[in-house]
Amino acid sequence: MIYFTAGESHGPELTGLIEGFPAGLQLSADQIDQQLSERQKGYGRGYRQKIEKDRVKITSGVRHGITLGSPITLRIANIDHKHWGEIMDPVGEPDPETNMREVKNPRPGHADLVGGMKYGHRDLRNVLERSSARETAMRVAIGAVCSQLLNQLGIQLAGYVRQVGPIDADAGRLLTPAEIEREISKNDLRIVDQDQVLPIHELIDRTKKEGDTLGGIIRVVVQNVPAGLGSYTSWNEKLDAKIAAAVIGINAIKGVSFGDGFDLSVRPGSKDMDQIYWDKEHGWYRSSDHLGGFEGGMTNGMPIIVNAAMKPIPTLYKPLHSVSIDSKEEHKASIERSDVTAIVPASLIIEAVVAIELCKAILDTFDSSSMERLKKQYQDYCEELKNY
C-alpha cells in the first residue's frame, strides 16, 4: 500500500490517494468524518477550526460502501478558500490590484526561509501554504481508513496527550486503547488525568495572553498486534524505523521514542529488557513492555507504545526577529493565523500515521487483494505463532 496527499492550506481542497488497499472492506465515511471532527477540537485551537467543517468525499475505489481494490481517492474541501480565491487561484493570472498577501519576512521554526531558498520562491506563501499543518487533515482521513481495516483484524489503537508544556497529565501506568478512549472523552485536552484539566486550561490561557505557544508529549498505544511485523534482515525493513519516520514527518514533531524511550539509556539491562515467558493459553509473552513492543525492528506481540515530542508552534502573535528576503532589512516575522497549542490534534495525527504504517506492514506481509483472504491468512499466522 502506498498513499499520497496534495493540496495547499488555503487552496480549493485537500486530496488523498491510497493504492494497494484490499477489496471487500466495509468502509464507513461517517467514521472518517468523526476523526476529522475530533482533529478540529481541543483547547487552545485557533479561529480556522471554526471556519472549516471537514468532511470527506470518496470519489473512487469504493462502491456502495465496499472497497473495490482499485485506488481510493479522498477529498476534503477547504471552506476558507472562498476568502482566498484570487490569492490561491491554481490557474488564473494574478490581479495587480489584489492584495496577494505576500510573505517576505520568514518565521523562525517554519519552512518559510529554507523552502524559499531551495525552490527559488520570492513569495514565501508558496512555501507555507503546503508546509502548513492543514495537510494533516488528509493524513487523519487516510489513517481512519486504515484503522477500519485494523479493527477488522482485532487491532485497536488510541492516541492521547501525556504532557502540555511543563504539566504532566499521564496516568502513571500503561493504559489499554479502550481505557484511553474512555478517559480522553471526558475533557477537551485528550488527557487521561482529569485533575490536570484546569491547570492546563489556565496554562494555555496565560500563554495566549503572552502571545506565546506551547508544545508537549503524545503517546499512541496499539493492542493485539502479532509478533513478526517488520524485519531484522535489512535496516529499511524495520517497522519501528518506518513508524518513527512517519511520526517525525508530522509538523512540529522533534522527537520519537518507543516504550520507556530515553529512560532506557540510564538503567542497566536487567531493568530494561522484557523477559520472555510462555504458557498454553497465551503462547509467548513478555513480563513487561519497556521496549514498546519492538525487538530487532519487529513487533514482539506486546502492545506498541509510541511517544512523540512536539515543539511549540513557531507562529507567535508576538513575532520573533526576522529579515526581509527582499531588502535584507531587519523585521519582525510575518504573522499567520495560528493556535496557542496544537497538541490535541497532534495526538490524532500521530495515531493516524501509526495506523497507516501498521496497515502497510500487514498488507505487505499477507495477501492484500481481498479482505476475506487477508483475514484468513492473518488468523492462520496468529495461530501459528501461538503454537511455535
Protein backbone atom coordinates (compact mmCIF):
# COMPACT_ATOMS: atom_id res chain seq x y z
CA MET A 1 0.00 0.00 0.00
CA ILE A 2 1.19 3.49 -0.85
CA TYR A 3 -0.50 6.84 -0.33
CA PHE A 4 -0.11 10.46 -1.34
CA THR A 5 -1.61 13.75 -0.22
CA ALA A 6 -1.92 17.01 -2.17
CA GLY A 7 -3.30 20.48 -1.60
CA GLU A 8 -2.48 23.85 -0.08
CA SER A 9 -3.76 25.28 3.19
CA HIS A 10 -6.00 27.88 1.52
CA GLY A 11 -6.35 26.12 -1.83
CA PRO A 12 -9.64 24.65 -3.06
CA GLU A 13 -9.26 21.27 -1.36
CA LEU A 14 -7.05 18.54 0.04
CA THR A 15 -6.73 15.32 -1.92
CA GLY A 16 -5.56 11.87 -0.84
CA LEU A 17 -4.85 8.77 -2.91
CA ILE A 18 -4.47 5.24 -1.49
CA GLU A 19 -3.21 2.47 -3.77
CA GLY A 20 -2.94 -1.22 -2.90
CA PHE A 21 -5.84 -1.35 -0.46
CA PRO A 22 -7.75 -4.67 -0.47
CA ALA A 23 -11.22 -5.21 -1.87
CA GLY A 24 -14.12 -6.15 0.37
CA LEU A 25 -13.70 -3.83 3.37
CA GLN A 26 -16.91 -2.23 4.61
CA LEU A 27 -15.76 1.40 4.72
CA SER A 28 -17.65 3.98 6.76
CA ALA A 29 -17.32 7.61 5.65
CA ASP A 30 -19.01 8.59 8.92
CA GLN A 31 -16.13 7.12 10.91
CA ILE A 32 -13.65 9.10 8.81
CA ASP A 33 -15.68 12.27 9.40
CA GLN A 34 -15.74 11.57 13.13
CA GLN A 35 -11.93 11.50 13.22
CA LEU A 36 -11.77 14.68 11.14
CA SER A 37 -14.15 16.37 13.55
CA GLU A 38 -12.04 15.30 16.55
CA ARG A 39 -8.93 16.74 14.86
CA GLN A 40 -10.57 20.18 14.83
CA LYS A 41 -11.32 20.15 18.56
CA GLY A 42 -9.15 20.85 21.55
CA TYR A 43 -8.50 23.68 23.98
CA GLY A 44 -6.06 26.20 22.53
CA ARG A 45 -7.09 25.88 18.89
CA GLY A 46 -7.33 28.91 16.61
CA TYR A 47 -10.14 30.56 14.63
CA ARG A 48 -9.54 28.46 11.48
CA GLN A 49 -11.18 25.48 13.16
CA LYS A 50 -14.43 27.47 13.47
CA ILE A 51 -14.43 28.10 9.72
CA GLU A 52 -13.71 24.62 8.42
CA LYS A 53 -16.19 21.78 8.80
CA ASP A 54 -14.09 18.92 7.49
CA ARG A 55 -16.00 16.17 5.72
CA VAL A 56 -14.55 13.53 3.43
CA LYS A 57 -15.80 12.89 -0.09
CA ILE A 58 -14.85 9.49 -1.50
CA THR A 59 -14.63 9.69 -5.30
CA SER A 60 -13.07 6.36 -6.33
CA GLY A 61 -12.18 2.88 -5.17
CA VAL A 62 -15.38 2.34 -3.18
CA ARG A 63 -18.83 1.24 -4.33
CA HIS A 64 -21.86 1.20 -2.03
CA GLY A 65 -19.54 1.41 0.98
CA ILE A 66 -17.32 -1.53 -0.04
CA THR A 67 -13.71 -1.11 -1.19
CA LEU A 68 -13.04 -2.39 -4.72
CA GLY A 69 -9.28 -2.97 -4.63
CA SER A 70 -8.72 -0.08 -7.03
CA PRO A 71 -7.14 3.25 -5.94
CA ILE A 72 -9.18 5.12 -3.35
CA THR A 73 -9.45 8.89 -3.73
CA LEU A 74 -10.43 11.11 -0.80
CA ARG A 75 -11.23 14.82 -0.96
CA ILE A 76 -11.70 17.42 1.78
CA ALA A 77 -12.92 20.87 0.76
CA ASN A 78 -11.26 23.97 2.22
CA ILE A 79 -14.22 26.19 3.09
CA ASP A 80 -11.90 29.10 3.83
CA HIS A 81 -10.78 29.07 0.16
CA LYS A 82 -13.75 31.31 -0.65
CA HIS A 83 -11.87 34.13 1.12
CA TRP A 84 -8.65 33.30 -0.74
CA GLY A 85 -9.99 32.60 -4.23
CA GLU A 86 -7.90 35.14 -6.16
CA ILE A 87 -4.86 34.77 -3.91
CA MET A 88 -4.75 30.97 -4.26
CA ASP A 89 -6.28 30.52 -7.74
CA PRO A 90 -4.49 27.47 -9.25
CA VAL A 91 -4.83 28.62 -12.88
CA GLY A 92 -5.78 32.31 -13.15
CA GLU A 93 -3.40 35.22 -13.63
CA PRO A 94 -2.87 37.36 -10.51
CA ASP A 95 -4.73 40.67 -10.47
CA PRO A 96 -2.24 43.51 -9.84
CA GLU A 97 -4.95 45.32 -7.86
CA THR A 98 -5.44 42.40 -5.48
CA ASN A 99 -3.55 42.17 -2.20
CA MET A 100 -1.79 38.84 -2.72
CA ARG A 101 -0.80 38.67 0.97
CA GLU A 102 2.80 38.00 0.07
CA VAL A 103 5.08 36.75 2.83
CA LYS A 104 8.52 38.34 2.81
CA ASN A 105 9.60 38.01 6.46
CA PRO A 106 10.20 34.31 7.20
CA ARG A 107 9.10 32.88 10.54
CA PRO A 108 11.73 31.18 12.71
CA GLY A 109 10.95 27.49 13.14
CA HIS A 110 8.87 27.25 9.94
CA ALA A 111 9.79 26.01 6.47
CA ASP A 112 9.44 29.57 5.07
CA LEU A 113 13.05 30.64 4.55
CA VAL A 114 14.66 27.30 3.73
CA GLY A 115 11.81 26.36 1.39
CA GLY A 116 12.13 29.68 -0.41
CA MET A 117 15.88 29.21 -0.76
CA LYS A 118 15.51 25.67 -2.08
CA TYR A 119 12.75 26.31 -4.65
CA GLY A 120 13.60 29.91 -5.51
CA HIS A 121 10.29 31.43 -4.34
CA ARG A 122 10.21 35.19 -3.81
CA ASP A 123 6.82 34.97 -2.10
CA LEU A 124 7.15 32.64 0.87
CA ARG A 125 3.40 31.96 0.80
CA ASN A 126 4.31 29.41 -1.88
CA VAL A 127 6.12 27.51 0.88
CA LEU A 128 3.90 27.96 3.91
CA GLU A 129 0.68 27.01 2.10
CA ARG A 130 1.93 23.45 1.57
CA SER A 131 4.08 23.16 4.69
CA SER A 132 1.05 24.15 6.81
CA ALA A 133 -0.34 21.54 9.22
CA ARG A 134 -3.63 21.85 7.33
CA GLU A 135 -2.31 18.98 5.19
CA THR A 136 -2.54 16.65 8.18
CA ALA A 137 -6.33 16.60 7.87
CA MET A 138 -5.87 14.28 4.90
CA ARG A 139 -3.45 12.07 6.80
CA VAL A 140 -6.09 11.75 9.53
CA ALA A 141 -8.63 10.72 6.88
CA ILE A 142 -6.28 8.10 5.40
CA GLY A 143 -5.43 6.88 8.89
CA ALA A 144 -9.14 6.48 9.62
CA VAL A 145 -9.44 4.25 6.53
CA CYS A 146 -6.50 2.15 7.77
CA SER A 147 -7.90 1.97 11.31
CA GLN A 148 -11.08 0.42 9.96
CA LEU A 149 -9.02 -2.36 8.36
CA LEU A 150 -7.00 -2.88 11.57
CA ASN A 151 -10.19 -3.08 13.62
CA GLN A 152 -11.42 -5.88 11.36
CA LEU A 153 -8.32 -7.81 12.43
CA GLY A 154 -8.89 -7.08 16.13
CA ILE A 155 -6.14 -4.45 16.38
CA GLN A 156 -7.04 -1.41 18.48
CA LEU A 157 -5.12 1.84 18.91
CA ALA A 158 -5.55 5.21 20.60
CA GLY A 159 -3.50 8.38 20.91
CA TYR A 160 -3.55 10.80 23.85
CA VAL A 161 -1.73 13.80 25.31
CA ARG A 162 0.74 12.91 28.05
CA GLN A 163 2.06 16.40 28.74
CA VAL A 164 1.31 20.02 27.82
CA GLY A 165 4.24 22.39 28.32
CA PRO A 166 5.66 21.50 31.77
CA ILE A 167 2.47 19.86 33.09
CA ASP A 168 2.47 16.05 33.21
CA ALA A 169 -1.01 14.60 32.68
CA ASP A 170 -0.20 10.91 32.24
CA ALA A 171 -1.76 8.07 34.20
CA GLY A 172 1.47 6.66 35.59
CA ARG A 173 0.71 3.25 34.09
CA LEU A 174 0.16 1.74 30.66
CA LEU A 175 -3.49 2.01 29.63
CA THR A 176 -5.29 -0.03 27.00
CA PRO A 177 -6.76 1.77 23.98
CA ALA A 178 -10.25 1.26 25.43
CA GLU A 179 -9.22 2.82 28.75
CA ILE A 180 -7.57 5.71 26.92
CA GLU A 181 -10.67 6.43 24.83
CA ARG A 182 -12.87 6.37 27.91
CA GLU A 183 -10.72 8.87 29.82
CA ILE A 184 -9.93 11.32 27.00
CA SER A 185 -13.63 11.60 26.11
CA LYS A 186 -14.18 13.35 29.45
CA ASN A 187 -12.22 16.51 28.55
CA ASP A 188 -11.16 18.75 25.66
CA LEU A 189 -7.44 18.06 26.04
CA ARG A 190 -7.32 14.31 25.28
CA ILE A 191 -5.56 13.71 28.61
CA VAL A 192 -6.19 10.80 30.98
CA ASP A 193 -5.56 12.60 34.28
CA GLN A 194 -8.74 14.60 34.89
CA ASP A 195 -7.14 16.50 37.78
CA GLN A 196 -4.85 18.31 35.33
CA VAL A 197 -7.59 19.72 33.07
CA LEU A 198 -7.98 23.02 34.95
CA PRO A 199 -4.23 23.66 35.43
CA ILE A 200 -3.62 23.06 31.71
CA HIS A 201 -6.52 25.33 30.73
CA GLU A 202 -5.01 28.05 32.90
CA LEU A 203 -1.58 27.49 31.36
CA ILE A 204 -2.97 27.78 27.82
CA ASP A 205 -4.95 30.92 28.69
CA ARG A 206 -1.89 32.53 30.26
CA THR A 207 0.30 31.60 27.30
CA LYS A 208 -2.25 33.07 24.86
CA LYS A 209 -2.25 36.39 26.72
CA GLU A 210 1.53 36.44 26.48
CA GLY A 211 1.39 35.91 22.71
CA ASP A 212 3.32 32.66 23.07
CA THR A 213 2.77 28.98 22.19
CA LEU A 214 3.10 25.55 23.83
CA GLY A 215 4.24 22.06 22.86
CA GLY A 216 4.02 18.76 24.70
CA ILE A 217 4.30 14.97 24.60
CA ILE A 218 1.95 12.47 22.95
CA ARG A 219 1.61 8.72 23.28
CA VAL A 220 -0.05 6.16 20.99
CA VAL A 221 -0.80 2.65 22.28
CA VAL A 222 -1.62 -0.26 19.94
CA GLN A 223 -3.04 -3.54 21.25
CA ASN A 224 -3.35 -7.05 19.75
CA VAL A 225 -0.54 -6.70 17.20
CA PRO A 226 1.02 -10.09 16.37
CA ALA A 227 4.74 -10.72 16.57
CA GLY A 228 6.82 -10.60 13.41
CA LEU A 229 5.64 -7.50 11.55
CA GLY A 230 8.70 -5.79 10.09
CA SER A 231 12.05 -7.49 9.65
CA TYR A 232 15.55 -7.65 11.12
CA THR A 233 17.10 -8.58 7.75
CA SER A 234 17.65 -5.04 6.46
CA TRP A 235 17.62 -1.62 8.10
CA ASN A 236 14.93 -0.31 5.74
CA GLU A 237 12.56 -3.15 6.65
CA LYS A 238 12.50 -2.38 10.38
CA LEU A 239 8.92 -1.42 11.26
CA ASP A 240 9.83 0.75 14.24
CA ALA A 241 12.06 2.78 11.92
CA LYS A 242 9.18 3.24 9.46
CA ILE A 243 6.85 4.35 12.25
CA ALA A 244 9.48 6.73 13.61
CA ALA A 245 9.93 8.26 10.15
CA ALA A 246 6.17 8.68 9.71
CA VAL A 247 5.81 10.35 13.12
CA ILE A 248 8.78 12.69 12.66
CA GLY A 249 7.24 13.65 9.30
CA ILE A 250 4.37 15.35 11.14
CA ASN A 251 4.63 19.12 11.57
CA ALA A 252 6.43 20.24 14.75
CA ILE A 253 7.39 16.74 15.93
CA LYS A 254 11.02 16.81 17.07
CA GLY A 255 11.45 13.52 18.91
CA VAL A 256 10.16 9.93 18.74
CA SER A 257 10.72 7.02 21.12
CA PHE A 258 9.25 3.60 21.89
CA GLY A 259 8.25 2.20 25.25
CA ASP A 260 10.30 3.78 28.03
CA GLY A 261 12.24 5.70 25.39
CA PHE A 262 15.21 7.73 26.62
CA ASP A 263 14.78 6.39 30.17
CA LEU A 264 16.17 3.09 28.86
CA SER A 265 19.58 4.74 28.43
CA VAL A 266 20.13 5.35 32.14
CA ARG A 267 19.10 1.95 33.54
CA PRO A 268 21.00 -1.36 33.46
CA GLY A 269 19.94 -4.05 31.01
CA SER A 270 18.49 -6.18 33.78
CA LYS A 271 15.86 -3.45 34.34
CA ASP A 272 15.21 -2.65 30.68
CA MET A 273 14.73 -5.99 28.92
CA ASP A 274 11.28 -7.56 28.68
CA GLN A 275 11.74 -11.12 29.95
CA ILE A 276 10.23 -13.97 27.94
CA TYR A 277 7.52 -16.37 29.13
CA TRP A 278 5.25 -19.00 27.57
CA ASP A 279 2.06 -20.82 28.57
CA LYS A 280 -0.56 -22.84 26.73
CA GLU A 281 -3.24 -20.16 27.00
CA HIS A 282 -1.25 -17.17 25.73
CA GLY A 283 1.69 -18.68 23.91
CA TRP A 284 4.75 -16.41 24.00
CA TYR A 285 4.61 -13.18 26.01
CA ARG A 286 6.78 -10.73 27.99
CA SER A 287 6.58 -9.81 31.66
CA SER A 288 6.91 -6.10 30.83
CA ASP A 289 6.87 -3.74 27.86
CA HIS A 290 9.82 -1.40 28.38
CA LEU A 291 10.81 -1.68 24.71
CA GLY A 292 7.39 -0.63 23.44
CA GLY A 293 6.51 -3.80 21.55
CA PHE A 294 9.61 -3.96 19.31
CA GLU A 295 12.71 -6.14 19.22
CA GLY A 296 15.08 -6.18 16.25
CA GLY A 297 12.83 -3.87 14.25
CA MET A 298 9.93 -6.34 14.54
CA THR A 299 6.80 -6.40 16.64
CA ASN A 300 7.11 -8.89 19.51
CA GLY A 301 3.43 -9.32 20.34
CA MET A 302 3.33 -6.85 23.21
CA PRO A 303 1.45 -3.54 22.91
CA ILE A 304 3.18 -1.00 20.70
CA ILE A 305 3.98 2.20 22.59
CA VAL A 306 4.99 5.27 20.55
CA ASN A 307 5.95 8.56 22.21
CA ALA A 308 6.38 11.86 20.37
CA ALA A 309 7.70 15.25 21.47
CA MET A 310 6.05 18.27 19.84
CA LYS A 311 7.73 21.67 19.78
CA PRO A 312 5.67 24.84 20.36
CA ILE A 313 4.07 26.25 17.21
CA PRO A 314 6.54 28.74 15.64
CA THR A 315 3.88 31.30 14.62
CA LEU A 316 3.76 33.75 17.54
CA TYR A 317 1.42 36.72 17.96
CA LYS A 318 4.43 38.44 19.49
CA PRO A 319 6.60 37.68 16.46
CA LEU A 320 10.29 36.86 16.66
CA HIS A 321 13.17 38.56 14.87
CA SER A 322 13.47 38.05 11.13
CA VAL A 323 14.91 39.64 7.98
CA SER A 324 13.15 40.61 4.75
CA ILE A 325 14.13 38.35 1.84
CA ASP A 326 13.93 41.39 -0.49
CA SER A 327 15.52 44.32 1.34
CA LYS A 328 17.54 42.25 3.85
CA GLU A 329 16.38 44.74 6.47
CA GLU A 330 15.54 43.54 9.97
CA HIS A 331 11.83 42.94 10.59
CA LYS A 332 9.56 41.04 12.87
CA ALA A 333 8.46 37.68 11.41
CA SER A 334 5.21 37.53 9.48
CA ILE A 335 2.10 36.62 11.46
CA GLU A 336 -0.26 33.93 10.17
CA ARG A 337 -3.41 32.74 11.91
CA SER A 338 -2.39 30.06 14.38
CA ASP A 339 -3.12 28.11 17.58
CA VAL A 340 -1.71 28.53 21.06
CA THR A 341 -1.12 24.78 21.01
CA ALA A 342 -1.97 22.04 18.55
CA ILE A 343 -1.06 19.21 20.92
CA VAL A 344 -4.63 17.87 20.96
CA PRO A 345 -4.99 17.34 17.19
CA ALA A 346 -1.38 16.11 17.05
CA SER A 347 -2.40 13.10 19.15
CA LEU A 348 -4.93 12.16 16.48
CA ILE A 349 -2.49 12.79 13.63
CA ILE A 350 0.16 10.58 15.23
CA GLU A 351 -2.44 7.90 15.86
CA ALA A 352 -3.34 8.14 12.15
CA VAL A 353 0.20 7.72 10.79
CA VAL A 354 0.87 4.80 13.17
CA ALA A 355 -2.30 3.16 11.82
CA ILE A 356 -1.10 3.78 8.25
CA GLU A 357 2.31 2.20 8.84
CA LEU A 358 0.80 -0.83 10.60
CA CYS A 359 -1.68 -1.25 7.78
CA LYS A 360 1.11 -1.07 5.22
CA ALA A 361 3.12 -3.70 7.13
CA ILE A 362 0.15 -6.07 7.26
CA LEU A 363 -0.68 -5.61 3.58
CA ASP A 364 2.99 -6.22 2.70
CA THR A 365 3.02 -9.43 4.76
CA PHE A 366 -0.26 -11.02 3.71
CA ASP A 367 -2.35 -11.25 0.54
CA SER A 368 -3.72 -7.74 0.09
CA SER A 369 -6.10 -8.30 -2.81
CA SER A 370 -9.19 -9.14 -0.73
CA MET A 371 -10.24 -8.75 2.90
CA GLU A 372 -11.57 -12.31 3.10
CA ARG A 373 -8.25 -13.80 2.03
CA LEU A 374 -6.32 -11.34 4.20
CA LYS A 375 -8.33 -12.24 7.30
CA LYS A 376 -7.81 -15.97 6.78
CA GLN A 377 -4.06 -15.67 6.27
CA TYR A 378 -3.77 -13.31 9.22
CA GLN A 379 -5.72 -15.61 11.55
CA ASP A 380 -3.70 -18.66 10.43
CA TYR A 381 -0.48 -16.74 11.05
CA CYS A 382 -1.55 -15.72 14.58
CA GLU A 383 -2.43 -19.34 15.38
CA GLU A 384 0.92 -20.49 14.01
CA LEU A 385 2.75 -18.06 16.28
CA LYS A 386 0.83 -19.24 19.31
CA ASN A 387 1.90 -22.84 18.66
CA TYR A 388 5.53 -22.08 17.78
